[in-house]
N, C-alpha and C. Protein backbone atom coordinates (compact mmCIF):
# COMPACT_ATOMS: atom_id res chain seq x y z
N UNK A 1 0.42 -1.01 -0.27
CA UNK A 1 -0.21 0.18 0.11
C UNK A 1 1.15 1.27 -0.14
N UNK A 2 1.67 0.93 0.91
CA UNK A 2 2.86 2.56 0.58
C UNK A 2 3.19 2.25 -0.64
N UNK A 3 3.96 1.67 -1.37
CA UNK A 3 4.26 1.69 -2.11
C UNK A 3 3.36 2.63 -3.52
N UNK A 4 2.30 1.95 -3.48
CA UNK A 4 0.77 2.46 -3.91
C UNK A 4 0.91 4.00 -3.84
N UNK A 5 1.16 4.64 -2.87
CA UNK A 5 0.69 5.74 -2.66
C UNK A 5 1.66 6.70 -2.66
N UNK A 6 3.19 5.90 -2.75
CA UNK A 6 4.29 6.78 -2.95
C UNK A 6 4.29 6.92 -4.88
N UNK A 7 3.81 6.10 -5.18
CA UNK A 7 3.24 6.22 -6.76
C UNK A 7 2.70 7.05 -7.12
N UNK A 8 1.69 7.56 -6.60
CA UNK A 8 0.82 8.44 -6.94
C UNK A 8 1.17 9.71 -6.63
N UNK A 9 2.09 10.24 -5.38
CA UNK A 9 2.35 11.34 -5.14
C UNK A 9 3.42 11.41 -6.17
N UNK A 10 4.24 10.47 -6.48
CA UNK A 10 5.65 11.14 -7.57
C UNK A 10 4.74 11.48 -8.85
N UNK A 11 3.74 10.42 -9.41
CA UNK A 11 3.12 10.92 -10.58
C UNK A 11 2.12 12.07 -10.48
N UNK A 12 1.73 12.54 -9.38
CA UNK A 12 1.45 13.90 -8.92
C UNK A 12 1.99 14.53 -9.48
N UNK A 13 3.08 14.88 -8.83
CA UNK A 13 4.19 15.95 -8.53
C UNK A 13 4.57 15.88 -9.79
N UNK A 14 5.23 15.15 -10.71
CA UNK A 14 5.50 15.04 -11.93
C UNK A 14 4.24 15.76 -12.97
N UNK A 15 3.45 15.60 -12.55
CA UNK A 15 2.46 16.46 -13.90
C UNK A 15 2.51 17.72 -13.35
N UNK A 16 2.20 17.83 -12.50
CA UNK A 16 1.81 19.28 -11.88
C UNK A 16 3.24 19.95 -12.23
N UNK A 17 4.29 19.23 -12.24
CA UNK A 17 5.34 20.10 -12.81
C UNK A 17 5.61 20.43 -13.97
N UNK A 18 4.80 19.47 -14.74
CA UNK A 18 5.30 19.03 -16.13
C UNK A 18 3.87 20.21 -17.34
N UNK A 19 2.95 19.91 -16.34
CA UNK A 19 1.72 21.15 -16.81
C UNK A 19 2.19 22.22 -16.69
N UNK A 20 2.70 22.88 -15.20
CA UNK A 20 3.79 24.23 -15.16
C UNK A 20 4.50 24.56 -16.21
N UNK A 21 5.50 23.73 -16.44
CA UNK A 21 6.17 23.99 -17.32
C UNK A 21 5.85 24.34 -18.96
N UNK A 22 4.52 23.51 -19.24
CA UNK A 22 4.20 23.82 -20.38
C UNK A 22 3.50 25.34 -20.33
N UNK A 23 2.88 25.61 -19.22
CA UNK A 23 2.38 26.77 -19.25
C UNK A 23 3.68 28.24 -19.75
N UNK A 24 4.79 27.76 -18.93
CA UNK A 24 5.89 28.55 -18.67
C UNK A 24 6.70 28.96 -20.17
N UNK A 25 6.43 27.20 -20.60
CA UNK A 25 6.66 27.28 -22.65
C UNK A 25 5.83 28.27 -23.18
N UNK A 26 4.16 27.76 -23.09
CA UNK A 26 3.24 28.66 -23.85
C UNK A 26 3.74 30.05 -23.64
N UNK A 27 3.99 30.57 -22.39
CA UNK A 27 4.17 32.24 -22.04
C UNK A 27 5.71 32.68 -23.38
N UNK A 28 6.61 31.74 -23.12
CA UNK A 28 7.24 32.05 -23.92
C UNK A 28 7.57 31.73 -25.48
N UNK A 29 6.49 31.23 -25.68
CA UNK A 29 6.09 31.06 -27.39
C UNK A 29 6.94 29.94 -28.18
N UNK A 30 7.39 29.01 -27.19
CA UNK A 30 8.55 27.72 -27.67
C UNK A 30 7.78 26.50 -27.74
N UNK A 31 8.52 25.73 -28.22
CA UNK A 31 7.93 24.13 -28.44
C UNK A 31 6.94 24.05 -27.04
N UNK A 32 5.87 23.08 -26.97
CA UNK A 32 5.23 22.77 -26.29
C UNK A 32 5.14 21.52 -25.80
N UNK A 33 4.74 20.97 -24.81
CA UNK A 33 4.73 19.35 -24.24
C UNK A 33 3.29 19.43 -24.87
N UNK A 34 3.22 17.89 -25.23
CA UNK A 34 2.28 17.81 -26.35
C UNK A 34 1.25 17.25 -25.04
N UNK A 35 -0.21 17.15 -25.75
CA UNK A 35 -1.55 17.48 -25.08
C UNK A 35 -1.44 15.60 -24.49
N UNK A 36 -1.07 14.77 -25.34
CA UNK A 36 -1.15 13.07 -25.38
C UNK A 36 -0.13 13.13 -24.09
N UNK A 37 1.07 13.66 -23.73
CA UNK A 37 1.69 13.42 -22.77
C UNK A 37 0.96 13.82 -21.31
N UNK A 38 0.43 14.84 -21.94
CA UNK A 38 -0.37 15.12 -20.35
C UNK A 38 -1.26 14.55 -19.92
N UNK A 39 -2.16 14.14 -20.85
CA UNK A 39 -3.11 12.79 -21.00
C UNK A 39 -2.92 11.46 -20.23
N UNK A 40 -1.97 11.07 -20.84
CA UNK A 40 -1.02 9.77 -20.29
C UNK A 40 -0.54 10.15 -18.99
N UNK A 41 -0.46 10.90 -18.79
CA UNK A 41 0.18 10.90 -17.29
C UNK A 41 -1.01 11.14 -16.41
N UNK A 42 -1.91 11.87 -16.93
CA UNK A 42 -3.08 12.10 -16.30
C UNK A 42 -3.77 10.55 -15.94
N UNK A 43 -3.89 9.82 -17.24
CA UNK A 43 -4.74 8.51 -17.07
C UNK A 43 -3.85 7.37 -16.23
N UNK A 44 -2.66 7.37 -16.21
CA UNK A 44 -1.45 6.57 -15.62
C UNK A 44 -1.59 6.60 -13.82
N UNK A 45 -2.80 7.91 -13.27
CA UNK A 45 -2.67 8.43 -11.92
C UNK A 45 -2.35 9.75 -11.54
N UNK A 46 -2.09 10.71 -12.76
CA UNK A 46 -1.71 12.02 -12.20
C UNK A 46 -3.01 13.11 -12.46
N UNK A 47 -4.29 12.27 -12.20
CA UNK A 47 -5.38 13.23 -12.51
C UNK A 47 -5.26 14.42 -11.69
N UNK A 48 -4.98 14.30 -10.35
CA UNK A 48 -4.93 15.30 -9.17
C UNK A 48 -3.76 16.42 -9.55
N UNK A 49 -2.66 16.16 -9.80
CA UNK A 49 -1.91 16.66 -10.35
C UNK A 49 -2.20 17.61 -11.85
N UNK A 50 -2.52 16.63 -12.43
CA UNK A 50 -2.97 17.74 -13.70
C UNK A 50 -4.39 18.71 -13.54
N UNK A 51 -5.17 18.46 -12.65
CA UNK A 51 -6.46 19.56 -11.99
C UNK A 51 -5.99 20.84 -11.19
N UNK A 52 -5.04 20.25 -10.35
CA UNK A 52 -4.41 21.36 -9.77
C UNK A 52 -3.29 22.30 -10.74
N UNK A 53 -2.76 21.90 -11.43
CA UNK A 53 -2.18 22.49 -12.48
C UNK A 53 -2.93 23.34 -13.13
N UNK A 54 -4.27 22.75 -13.71
CA UNK A 54 -4.78 23.95 -14.29
C UNK A 54 -5.49 24.76 -13.37
N UNK A 55 -5.59 24.64 -12.46
CA UNK A 55 -6.43 25.53 -11.61
C UNK A 55 -5.02 26.81 -10.78
N UNK A 56 -3.79 26.29 -10.77
CA UNK A 56 -3.29 27.24 -10.35
C UNK A 56 -2.40 27.75 -11.25
N UNK A 57 -1.91 27.33 -12.35
CA UNK A 57 -1.83 28.03 -13.57
C UNK A 57 -2.43 28.40 -14.58
N UNK A 58 -3.78 28.41 -14.22
CA UNK A 58 -4.68 28.44 -15.31
C UNK A 58 -4.31 28.48 -16.76
N UNK A 59 -3.98 26.78 -16.66
CA UNK A 59 -3.54 26.12 -17.86
C UNK A 59 -4.71 25.45 -18.66
N UNK A 60 -4.99 25.45 -19.66
CA UNK A 60 -5.96 24.67 -20.61
C UNK A 60 -7.05 24.65 -20.25
N UNK A 61 -7.13 25.48 -19.18
CA UNK A 61 -9.09 25.91 -18.67
C UNK A 61 -9.66 26.55 -19.83
N UNK A 62 -9.50 27.22 -20.98
CA UNK A 62 -10.15 28.12 -21.56
C UNK A 62 -10.44 26.65 -23.15
N UNK A 63 -9.36 25.87 -23.16
CA UNK A 63 -9.42 25.10 -24.52
C UNK A 63 -10.33 23.76 -24.02
N UNK A 64 -11.59 24.08 -24.89
CA UNK A 64 -12.90 23.06 -24.56
C UNK A 64 -12.43 21.69 -24.68
N UNK A 65 -11.73 21.54 -25.91
CA UNK A 65 -11.48 20.23 -26.41
C UNK A 65 -10.24 19.24 -25.32
N UNK A 66 -9.89 20.03 -24.49
CA UNK A 66 -8.33 19.26 -23.66
C UNK A 66 -9.66 19.04 -22.39
N UNK A 67 -10.56 20.31 -22.22
CA UNK A 67 -11.56 19.67 -20.70
C UNK A 67 -12.30 18.55 -21.07
N UNK A 68 -12.98 18.71 -22.21
CA UNK A 68 -13.56 17.09 -22.43
C UNK A 68 -12.71 16.14 -22.48
N UNK A 69 -11.30 16.12 -23.14
CA UNK A 69 -10.98 14.94 -22.93
C UNK A 69 -10.23 14.58 -21.82
N UNK A 70 -10.00 15.73 -20.81
CA UNK A 70 -9.63 15.12 -19.26
C UNK A 70 -10.94 14.73 -18.81
N UNK A 71 -12.11 15.39 -18.74
CA UNK A 71 -12.95 15.12 -18.10
C UNK A 71 -13.36 13.48 -18.68
N UNK A 72 -13.22 12.92 -19.62
CA UNK A 72 -13.42 11.63 -20.05
C UNK A 72 -12.51 10.30 -19.08
N UNK A 73 -11.03 11.10 -19.27
CA UNK A 73 -10.17 10.04 -18.50
C UNK A 73 -10.62 10.26 -17.13
N UNK A 74 -11.32 11.08 -16.33
CA UNK A 74 -11.79 11.50 -14.49
C UNK A 74 -12.95 10.24 -15.27
N UNK A 75 -13.59 10.33 -15.93
CA UNK A 75 -14.94 9.55 -16.02
C UNK A 75 -14.31 7.92 -15.87
N UNK A 76 -13.24 7.57 -16.88
CA UNK A 76 -12.89 6.05 -17.02
C UNK A 76 -12.43 5.85 -15.72
N UNK A 77 -11.74 6.80 -15.05
CA UNK A 77 -11.07 6.49 -13.89
C UNK A 77 -12.26 5.90 -12.36
N UNK A 78 -12.96 6.60 -12.81
CA UNK A 78 -14.06 6.43 -11.69
C UNK A 78 -15.10 5.00 -12.02
N UNK A 79 -14.78 4.67 -13.23
CA UNK A 79 -15.49 3.38 -13.60
C UNK A 79 -14.76 2.30 -13.20
N UNK A 80 -13.63 2.61 -13.18
CA UNK A 80 -12.54 1.37 -13.06
C UNK A 80 -12.33 1.33 -11.59
N UNK A 81 -12.42 2.23 -10.83
CA UNK A 81 -12.10 2.27 -9.22
C UNK A 81 -13.88 1.71 -8.54
N UNK A 82 -14.92 2.49 -9.45
CA UNK A 82 -15.93 1.87 -9.03
C UNK A 82 -16.22 0.02 -8.97
N UNK A 83 -15.33 -0.62 -9.97
CA UNK A 83 -15.56 -1.98 -10.42
C UNK A 83 -14.48 -2.40 -9.78
N UNK A 84 -13.74 -1.79 -9.64
CA UNK A 84 -12.30 -2.49 -8.11
C UNK A 84 -13.16 -2.48 -7.01
N UNK A 85 -13.70 -1.42 -6.60
CA UNK A 85 -14.11 -1.68 -5.27
C UNK A 85 -15.13 -3.09 -4.78
N UNK A 86 -15.99 -3.03 -5.83
CA UNK A 86 -16.95 -4.41 -6.27
C UNK A 86 -16.82 -5.40 -6.53
N UNK A 87 -15.01 -5.47 -6.65
CA UNK A 87 -14.77 -6.54 -6.99
C UNK A 87 -15.30 -7.60 -8.75
N UNK A 88 -15.30 -6.43 -9.01
CA UNK A 88 -16.07 -7.15 -10.59
C UNK A 88 -14.67 -6.92 -11.87
N UNK A 89 -13.59 -6.52 -11.42
CA UNK A 89 -12.38 -6.63 -12.08
C UNK A 89 -11.54 -7.33 -11.64
């Protein structure tokens, strides 16, 4: 259990830092971090980190397609957790 918590801590901190760095790159009009990278890290457990980065840095909050895809990832994770808790997976 401690390993799992450590994993989620690391992946969320990493996601937060990468999203913040992407915002920095956007302000400097430099080459950006691909959205698929942000989505992948969110999907493998960095959802909270990305959500906090979106709120803290005001990053990707006006981009509807990003928010829709991110919401889809959250819904998929909720379904997975639901079925895992009810021992159906």
